[in-house]
Structure formats: structure tokens, C-alpha cells
Amino acid sequence: MTELCTLIIDTAALVARACDQYALANIEGYKKGYLEHVVKTSLTTKARLLHYFPAPETDASGKEMDDDDWCAIHLDHGCLTGLTSAMFVDEAENEPKQSADLTPLPELPTSPDPKAGLYIRSRTGEVVKVNIPKDCIAFQTGEALELITQGKFKAVPHFVKGAKTGGKIARNTLAVFTQPNLPEEVTAGKTFADFAREVVERNH
């Protein structure tokens, strides 16, 4: 786990370096290497193992579930979010149990529902399904990056759609959220701590 998270953060630093080059050429007064500095020196970067429980076909009233039933549409509030490909498990065939046995549950070769998984909304409002190959990692942009680059890079709205198969299909993935240290500025006069407080107040 440590090796994988380190790989994702190191790769995020390379992505940040490319973003810095674009920002330096297109934003007046942009501080050279700032985003790479933020990613490399952050003490607030978080990794989360995400487990999406088998999705119901309908809600309690019998109404069909929304497209974002596994994870509602939202923006990440950090800089770059590193994502692994998703692992799908049939929990009807392989029921998870609490025990000392840490044998991995068998992974399905592909999702049994091709519509299940991660979706993003483009700048033009188009909804696009994102398929991350098994040997790849992907990155999506968050609100702190949008602020740092004065809107040149936009935070990506995204959601996760559950598997509609009539079975018990679960989804698992790893997300690494690279975030600035709390005192780092995300825009003139506003630190990441200030912005994070705004996010909490907005969402709660």
C-alpha cells in the first residue's frame, strides 16, 4: 500500500510539473513550480480505500435509483486526485466475512454492468464514462487546483453509478487526494485552511 501510494504521489508531482509549465505560460504572475511544490511537500495528502456496497435497483418506494447512486456528483476540493482502476466483486458468490483470514475475494474480470463506474461532466456539460485500464492510474483535477491556476484548469464534477444486475456487485478502488498544506495560498489572501473551512460550511 505504501509503495502504491508513493508511486501515485510521485506521478502526481510529474502531472503537477506539466500543469505548472502551462500555468507559467498562461497566467500572469504565476509562481514557477508552485503546484509541484504543493504536491511534493504536502503533509495533508490522503489515501482512501473506497468500497461501494452492492447497489439496490430501486429505493424503498420502488422508484429506480438515480445514476449517481454509488457516489453523488461532487467536486474534489484538493489539487490532483490519483485513481486506480476499479475492482468488482460478486458478493453473492463471495460473501465478505469478518475473520483473521485475509485471502482476497475473487475479482471479476470486468464489471457485469458496462454502465457501472466513474462518470465525469465536461466543461460543455457532456457526461462521459471513464474507464481506467488495469495497468494505469488516472488523475482528476480539484477545486484547489482551479483556484491556484485562476480557472485555467477546472475542477471535474464526477459521480459513480452502481451496477444494475439484480445481483450483489460491489466496487473497490483507491483514491489519493493531493492537497496543499493548510498555510499554503490557493488564491491571493486565501489559504487552503480558509478554503477547506468554506467547503465544510458549504457541504454541511
C-alpha atoms as a PDB file:
ATOM      1  CA  MET A   1       0.000   0.000   0.000  1.00  0.00           C
ATOM      2  CA  THR A   2       2.827   2.385   0.900  1.00  0.00           C
ATOM      3  CA  GLU A   3       4.602   1.661  -2.376  1.00  0.00           C
ATOM      4  CA  LEU A   4       1.441   2.191  -4.431  1.00  0.00           C
ATOM      5  CA  CYS A   5       0.537   5.455  -2.699  1.00  0.00           C
ATOM      6  CA  THR A   6       4.114   6.706  -3.087  1.00  0.00           C
ATOM      7  CA  LEU A   7       4.016   5.861  -6.806  1.00  0.00           C
ATOM      8  CA  ILE A   8       0.747   7.782  -7.225  1.00  0.00           C
ATOM      9  CA  ILE A   9       2.067  10.841  -5.344  1.00  0.00           C
ATOM     10  CA  ASP A  10       5.358  10.824  -7.289  1.00  0.00           C
ATOM     11  CA  THR A  11       3.403  10.615 -10.540  1.00  0.00           C
ATOM     12  CA  ALA A  12       1.093  13.410  -9.353  1.00  0.00           C
ATOM     13  CA  ALA A  13       4.201  15.569  -8.932  1.00  0.00           C
ATOM     14  CA  LEU A  14       5.059  14.965 -12.610  1.00  0.00           C
ATOM     15  CA  VAL A  15       1.488  15.860 -13.629  1.00  0.00           C
ATOM     16  CA  ALA A  16       1.761  18.970 -11.437  1.00  0.00           C
ATOM     17  CA  ARG A  17       5.023  19.916 -13.174  1.00  0.00           C
ATOM     18  CA  ALA A  18       3.247  19.800 -16.549  1.00  0.00           C
ATOM     19  CA  CYS A  19       0.388  21.916 -15.148  1.00  0.00           C
ATOM     20  CA  ASP A  20       2.959  24.408 -13.817  1.00  0.00           C
ATOM     21  CA  GLN A  21       4.528  24.763 -17.267  1.00  0.00           C
ATOM     22  CA  TYR A  22       1.142  25.566 -18.795  1.00  0.00           C
ATOM     23  CA  ALA A  23       0.221  27.937 -15.950  1.00  0.00           C
ATOM     24  CA  LEU A  24       3.556  29.767 -16.142  1.00  0.00           C
ATOM     25  CA  ALA A  25       2.982  30.428 -19.846  1.00  0.00           C
ATOM     26  CA  ASN A  26      -0.660  31.479 -19.485  1.00  0.00           C
ATOM     27  CA  ILE A  27      -1.141  33.134 -16.073  1.00  0.00           C
ATOM     28  CA  GLU A  28       0.440  36.492 -15.335  1.00  0.00           C
ATOM     29  CA  GLY A  29       2.480  36.410 -12.120  1.00  0.00           C
ATOM     30  CA  TYR A  30       2.211  32.645 -11.661  1.00  0.00           C
ATOM     31  CA  LYS A  31       4.865  31.363  -9.272  1.00  0.00           C
ATOM     32  CA  LYS A  32       7.177  28.958 -11.086  1.00  0.00           C
ATOM     33  CA  GLY A  33       6.882  25.364  -9.856  1.00  0.00           C
ATOM     34  CA  TYR A  34       4.173  26.181  -7.310  1.00  0.00           C
ATOM     35  CA  LEU A  35       1.837  23.232  -7.907  1.00  0.00           C
ATOM     36  CA  GLU A  36       4.710  20.724  -7.966  1.00  0.00           C
ATOM     37  CA  HIS A  37       5.935  22.241  -4.682  1.00  0.00           C
ATOM     38  CA  VAL A  38       2.446  21.861  -3.195  1.00  0.00           C
ATOM     39  CA  VAL A  39       2.175  18.178  -4.184  1.00  0.00           C
ATOM     40  CA  LYS A  40       5.722  17.252  -3.106  1.00  0.00           C
ATOM     41  CA  THR A  41       5.705  18.978   0.285  1.00  0.00           C
ATOM     42  CA  SER A  42       2.129  18.313   1.390  1.00  0.00           C
ATOM     43  CA  LEU A  43       1.509  16.797   4.820  1.00  0.00           C
ATOM     44  CA  THR A  44      -2.260  16.684   4.196  1.00  0.00           C
ATOM     45  CA  THR A  45      -2.390  14.304   1.229  1.00  0.00           C
ATOM     46  CA  LYS A  46      -4.833  11.481   1.982  1.00  0.00           C
ATOM     47  CA  ALA A  47      -5.318   7.989   0.586  1.00  0.00           C
ATOM     48  CA  ARG A  48      -8.695   6.292   0.852  1.00  0.00           C
ATOM     49  CA  LEU A  49      -9.630   2.727   0.053  1.00  0.00           C
ATOM     50  CA  LEU A  50     -13.180   3.118  -1.245  1.00  0.00           C
ATOM     51  CA  HIS A  51     -15.716   0.289  -1.006  1.00  0.00           C
ATOM     52  CA  TYR A  52     -19.033   0.745  -2.787  1.00  0.00           C
ATOM     53  CA  PHE A  53     -21.595  -1.662  -1.367  1.00  0.00           C
ATOM     54  CA  PRO A  54     -23.863  -3.565  -3.779  1.00  0.00           C
ATOM     55  CA  ALA A  55     -26.306  -1.038  -5.214  1.00  0.00           C
ATOM     56  CA  PRO A  56     -30.066  -1.556  -4.901  1.00  0.00           C
ATOM     57  CA  GLU A  57     -32.067  -1.452  -8.139  1.00  0.00           C
ATOM     58  CA  THR A  58     -34.826   0.666  -6.541  1.00  0.00           C
ATOM     59  CA  ASP A  59     -35.300   2.769  -3.415  1.00  0.00           C
ATOM     60  CA  ALA A  60     -37.709   1.974  -0.558  1.00  0.00           C
ATOM     61  CA  SER A  61     -40.658   3.335  -2.552  1.00  0.00           C
ATOM     62  CA  GLY A  62     -39.861   1.171  -5.570  1.00  0.00           C
ATOM     63  CA  LYS A  63     -38.518   4.098  -7.634  1.00  0.00           C
ATOM     64  CA  GLU A  64     -35.490   3.326  -9.807  1.00  0.00           C
ATOM     65  CA  MET A  65     -32.256   4.630  -8.261  1.00  0.00           C
ATOM     66  CA  ASP A  66     -30.522   7.715  -9.695  1.00  0.00           C
ATOM     67  CA  ASP A  67     -27.468   7.441 -11.942  1.00  0.00           C
ATOM     68  CA  ASP A  68     -25.219   8.704  -9.115  1.00  0.00           C
ATOM     69  CA  ASP A  69     -26.448   6.129  -6.588  1.00  0.00           C
ATOM     70  CA  TRP A  70     -22.978   4.801  -5.726  1.00  0.00           C
ATOM     71  CA  CYS A  71     -21.497   8.264  -5.169  1.00  0.00           C
ATOM     72  CA  ALA A  72     -23.381  11.523  -5.744  1.00  0.00           C
ATOM     73  CA  ILE A  73     -21.991  14.095  -8.165  1.00  0.00           C
ATOM     74  CA  HIS A  74     -19.383  16.299  -6.493  1.00  0.00           C
ATOM     75  CA  LEU A  75     -16.037  18.085  -6.830  1.00  0.00           C
ATOM     76  CA  ASP A  76     -12.853  17.063  -5.028  1.00  0.00           C
ATOM     77  CA  HIS A  77     -11.507  20.050  -3.076  1.00  0.00           C
ATOM     78  CA  GLY A  78      -7.784  19.222  -3.367  1.00  0.00           C
ATOM     79  CA  CYS A  79      -5.382  19.636  -6.278  1.00  0.00           C
ATOM     80  CA  LEU A  80      -4.983  16.313  -8.090  1.00  0.00           C
ATOM     81  CA  THR A  81      -6.763  13.064  -7.224  1.00  0.00           C
ATOM     82  CA  GLY A  82      -4.922   9.894  -8.248  1.00  0.00           C
ATOM     83  CA  LEU A  83      -7.189   6.941  -9.042  1.00  0.00           C
ATOM     84  CA  THR A  84      -6.563   3.252  -9.632  1.00  0.00           C
ATOM     85  CA  SER A  85      -8.777   1.103 -11.824  1.00  0.00           C
ATOM     86  CA  ALA A  86     -11.872  -0.340 -10.130  1.00  0.00           C
ATOM     87  CA  MET A  87     -12.144  -3.886  -8.795  1.00  0.00           C
ATOM     88  CA  PHE A  88     -15.589  -5.503  -9.000  1.00  0.00           C
ATOM     89  CA  VAL A  89     -16.564  -8.353  -6.676  1.00  0.00           C
ATOM     90  CA  ASP A  90     -19.677 -10.522  -6.713  1.00  0.00           C
ATOM     91  CA  GLU A  91     -20.615 -10.611  -3.026  1.00  0.00           C
ATOM     92  CA  ALA A  92     -23.432 -13.088  -3.669  1.00  0.00           C
ATOM     93  CA  GLU A  93     -20.813 -15.648  -4.731  1.00  0.00           C
ATOM     94  CA  ASN A  94     -18.112 -14.444  -2.316  1.00  0.00           C
ATOM     95  CA  GLU A  95     -19.701 -13.079   0.823  1.00  0.00           C
ATOM     96  CA  PRO A  96     -17.286 -10.914   2.829  1.00  0.00           C
ATOM     97  CA  LYS A  97     -16.734 -12.187   6.360  1.00  0.00           C
ATOM     98  CA  GLN A  98     -15.033 -10.688   9.385  1.00  0.00           C
ATOM     99  CA  SER A  99     -12.202 -13.045  10.195  1.00  0.00           C
ATOM    100  CA  ALA A 100      -8.443 -13.321  10.514  1.00  0.00           C
ATOM    101  CA  ASP A 101      -8.359 -14.842   7.022  1.00  0.00           C
ATOM    102  CA  LEU A 102      -7.177 -12.040   4.712  1.00  0.00           C
ATOM    103  CA  THR A 103      -7.449 -14.069   1.494  1.00  0.00           C
ATOM    104  CA  PRO A 104      -8.599 -11.645  -1.228  1.00  0.00           C
ATOM    105  CA  LEU A 105     -12.073 -12.135  -2.633  1.00  0.00           C
ATOM    106  CA  PRO A 106     -12.014 -13.189  -6.306  1.00  0.00           C
ATOM    107  CA  GLU A 107     -12.123 -10.164  -8.607  1.00  0.00           C
ATOM    108  CA  LEU A 108     -14.421 -10.184 -11.642  1.00  0.00           C
ATOM    109  CA  PRO A 109     -12.523  -9.712 -14.935  1.00  0.00           C
ATOM    110  CA  THR A 110     -14.842  -6.821 -15.870  1.00  0.00           C
ATOM    111  CA  SER A 111     -17.907  -5.126 -14.471  1.00  0.00           C
ATOM    112  CA  PRO A 112     -21.022  -7.215 -15.189  1.00  0.00           C
ATOM    113  CA  ASP A 113     -22.808  -3.927 -15.895  1.00  0.00           C
ATOM    114  CA  PRO A 114     -20.905  -1.920 -18.537  1.00  0.00           C
ATOM    115  CA  LYS A 115     -22.731   1.242 -17.442  1.00  0.00           C
ATOM    116  CA  ALA A 116     -21.483   0.990 -13.844  1.00  0.00           C
ATOM    117  CA  GLY A 117     -18.487   3.047 -12.743  1.00  0.00           C
ATOM    118  CA  LEU A 118     -16.987   6.536 -12.810  1.00  0.00           C
ATOM    119  CA  TYR A 119     -18.518   9.370 -14.854  1.00  0.00           C
ATOM    120  CA  ILE A 120     -17.355  12.965 -15.328  1.00  0.00           C
ATOM    121  CA  ARG A 121     -19.089  16.064 -16.645  1.00  0.00           C
ATOM    122  CA  SER A 122     -17.085  18.018 -19.221  1.00  0.00           C
ATOM    123  CA  ARG A 123     -16.868  21.801 -19.498  1.00  0.00           C
ATOM    124  CA  THR A 124     -19.619  21.637 -22.139  1.00  0.00           C
ATOM    125  CA  GLY A 125     -21.888  19.652 -19.819  1.00  0.00           C
ATOM    126  CA  GLU A 126     -21.404  16.321 -21.573  1.00  0.00           C
ATOM    127  CA  VAL A 127     -21.441  13.281 -19.268  1.00  0.00           C
ATOM    128  CA  VAL A 128     -18.604  10.877 -20.108  1.00  0.00           C
ATOM    129  CA  LYS A 129     -17.842   7.436 -18.671  1.00  0.00           C
ATOM    130  CA  VAL A 130     -14.217   6.994 -17.572  1.00  0.00           C
ATOM    131  CA  ASN A 131     -12.634   3.554 -17.855  1.00  0.00           C
ATOM    132  CA  ILE A 132      -9.193   3.286 -16.234  1.00  0.00           C
ATOM    133  CA  PRO A 133      -7.206   0.310 -17.603  1.00  0.00           C
ATOM    134  CA  LYS A 134      -5.831  -2.194 -15.086  1.00  0.00           C
ATOM    135  CA  ASP A 135      -2.197  -1.148 -15.620  1.00  0.00           C
ATOM    136  CA  CYS A 136      -2.848   2.597 -15.397  1.00  0.00           C
ATOM    137  CA  ILE A 137      -3.560   5.339 -12.907  1.00  0.00           C
ATOM    138  CA  ALA A 138      -5.668   8.394 -13.707  1.00  0.00           C
ATOM    139  CA  PHE A 139      -5.790  11.907 -12.295  1.00  0.00           C
ATOM    140  CA  GLN A 140      -8.664  14.326 -11.988  1.00  0.00           C
ATOM    141  CA  THR A 141      -8.475  17.984 -11.055  1.00  0.00           C
ATOM    142  CA  GLY A 142      -9.963  19.531  -7.907  1.00  0.00           C
ATOM    143  CA  GLU A 143     -11.110  22.909  -6.667  1.00  0.00           C
ATOM    144  CA  ALA A 144      -7.788  23.942  -5.074  1.00  0.00           C
ATOM    145  CA  LEU A 145      -6.053  23.449  -8.434  1.00  0.00           C
ATOM    146  CA  GLU A 146      -8.765  25.525 -10.134  1.00  0.00           C
ATOM    147  CA  LEU A 147      -8.121  28.342  -7.656  1.00  0.00           C
ATOM    148  CA  ILE A 148      -4.327  28.101  -7.908  1.00  0.00           C
ATOM    149  CA  THR A 149      -4.477  28.283 -11.730  1.00  0.00           C
ATOM    150  CA  GLN A 150      -7.145  31.028 -11.781  1.00  0.00           C
ATOM    151  CA  GLY A 151      -9.580  28.763 -13.591  1.00  0.00           C
ATOM    152  CA  LYS A 152      -7.240  27.609 -16.364  1.00  0.00           C
ATOM    153  CA  PHE A 153      -7.760  24.073 -15.037  1.00  0.00           C
ATOM    154  CA  LYS A 154     -11.310  23.316 -13.934  1.00  0.00           C
ATOM    155  CA  ALA A 155     -12.370  21.032 -11.080  1.00  0.00           C
ATOM    156  CA  VAL A 156     -14.047  17.984 -12.628  1.00  0.00           C
ATOM    157  CA  PRO A 157     -17.610  17.177 -11.495  1.00  0.00           C
ATOM    158  CA  HIS A 158     -17.891  13.402 -11.161  1.00  0.00           C
ATOM    159  CA  PHE A 159     -20.099  10.622  -9.812  1.00  0.00           C
ATOM    160  CA  VAL A 160     -20.151   6.824  -9.590  1.00  0.00           C
ATOM    161  CA  LYS A 161     -23.010   4.766 -11.000  1.00  0.00           C
ATOM    162  CA  GLY A 162     -23.919   1.464  -9.358  1.00  0.00           C
ATOM    163  CA  ALA A 163     -24.140  -1.910 -11.069  1.00  0.00           C
ATOM    164  CA  LYS A 164     -27.707  -2.802 -12.038  1.00  0.00           C
ATOM    165  CA  THR A 165     -27.569  -6.568 -12.430  1.00  0.00           C
ATOM    166  CA  GLY A 166     -30.092  -7.859  -9.921  1.00  0.00           C
ATOM    167  CA  GLY A 167     -27.114  -9.296  -8.013  1.00  0.00           C
ATOM    168  CA  LYS A 168     -24.737  -8.124  -5.286  1.00  0.00           C
ATOM    169  CA  ILE A 169     -21.897  -6.450  -7.162  1.00  0.00           C
ATOM    170  CA  ALA A 170     -19.509  -4.304  -5.097  1.00  0.00           C
ATOM    171  CA  ARG A 171     -16.842  -1.904  -6.373  1.00  0.00           C
ATOM    172  CA  ASN A 172     -13.469  -1.159  -4.786  1.00  0.00           C
ATOM    173  CA  THR A 173     -10.842   1.402  -5.692  1.00  0.00           C
ATOM    174  CA  LEU A 174      -8.047   3.532  -4.231  1.00  0.00           C
ATOM    175  CA  ALA A 175      -8.110   7.339  -4.364  1.00  0.00           C
ATOM    176  CA  VAL A 176      -5.159   9.533  -3.339  1.00  0.00           C
ATOM    177  CA  PHE A 177      -6.107  13.169  -2.737  1.00  0.00           C
ATOM    178  CA  THR A 178      -3.128  15.531  -3.041  1.00  0.00           C
ATOM    179  CA  GLN A 179      -3.864  18.715  -1.108  1.00  0.00           C
ATOM    180  CA  PRO A 180      -1.881  21.828  -0.151  1.00  0.00           C
ATOM    181  CA  ASN A 181      -0.581  22.233   3.378  1.00  0.00           C
ATOM    182  CA  LEU A 182      -3.027  24.339   5.404  1.00  0.00           C
ATOM    183  CA  PRO A 183      -0.965  27.618   5.291  1.00  0.00           C
ATOM    184  CA  GLU A 184      -0.360  27.428   1.504  1.00  0.00           C
ATOM    185  CA  GLU A 185      -2.195  30.059  -0.531  1.00  0.00           C
ATOM    186  CA  VAL A 186      -4.701  28.826  -3.115  1.00  0.00           C
ATOM    187  CA  THR A 187      -5.530  32.350  -4.244  1.00  0.00           C
ATOM    188  CA  ALA A 188      -4.400  35.813  -3.160  1.00  0.00           C
ATOM    189  CA  GLY A 189      -5.077  36.212   0.565  1.00  0.00           C
ATOM    190  CA  LYS A 190      -6.763  32.818   0.984  1.00  0.00           C
ATOM    191  CA  THR A 191      -5.012  29.769   2.412  1.00  0.00           C
ATOM    192  CA  PHE A 192      -6.037  26.170   1.896  1.00  0.00           C
ATOM    193  CA  ALA A 193      -7.224  26.177   5.530  1.00  0.00           C
ATOM    194  CA  ASP A 194      -9.572  29.090   4.738  1.00  0.00           C
ATOM    195  CA  PHE A 195     -10.843  27.296   1.651  1.00  0.00           C
ATOM    196  CA  ALA A 196     -11.306  23.989   3.484  1.00  0.00           C
ATOM    197  CA  ARG A 197     -13.485  25.749   6.075  1.00  0.00           C
ATOM    198  CA  GLU A 198     -15.616  27.124   3.246  1.00  0.00           C
ATOM    199  CA  VAL A 199     -16.004  23.635   1.785  1.00  0.00           C
ATOM    200  CA  VAL A 200     -17.136  22.210   5.152  1.00  0.00           C
ATOM    201  CA  GLU A 201     -19.655  25.034   5.637  1.00  0.00           C
ATOM    202  CA  ARG A 202     -20.956  24.613   2.073  1.00  0.00           C
ATOM    203  CA  ASN A 203     -21.404  20.857   2.377  1.00  0.00           C
ATOM    204  CA  HIS A 204     -22.704  20.655   5.946  1.00  0.00           C
END
